[in-house]
Amino acid sequence: MARGQLAQRPRLALIILVVSLLVAIAGTVLWLSLPRTCADRGCFFTAANSCSGATYSELFGNGTVVTYESSGCSITKRITGFAVDEHPAVRSYFEGKTMRCTYEKEAFPPSLLEGLSVTGCSGTLRDAMLDFEALVLLGEAT
């Protein structure tokens, strides 16, 4: 082998090592930035409180499933499952709607995990819930 080719081998090895390290670092950062799926409120509370991404679904006694997703210092709530005996009109009224609630870092209010609490929230699900509550009070809901 010529002397020039031998001198380029360590440089090539160094380039391959640096590129490999950059790919590993980028992969780790990407993996850590993905929202995690939480199996309980405690996990979700910890993630949301630090404004990290996470998802959590909670099954309520009547069969309704509410899914919470945190991103930055906000969470999005949506009803992702309905009780089997839920009236079709109620189901269609709330299906596909979401509400977004914001908060300060390290000050996540536990009340945001109380089902569909609307305090400090905005969005189509919040509006639908307030409208539905008014209909119930007026005796016009199904």
Foldseek 3Di string as FASTA:
>chain_A
DDPVVVVCVVVVVVVVVVVVVVVVVVVVVVVQQDAAEDADPVVVCVCLLQQGWYKYWDADPQGWIWMWTGHGQKIKIATPTHHPPDDPVVCVLRPPWMKMAGDDRNDDDPVVVVPPDCVRIDTDNSVSVVVQVVCVVVVNHD
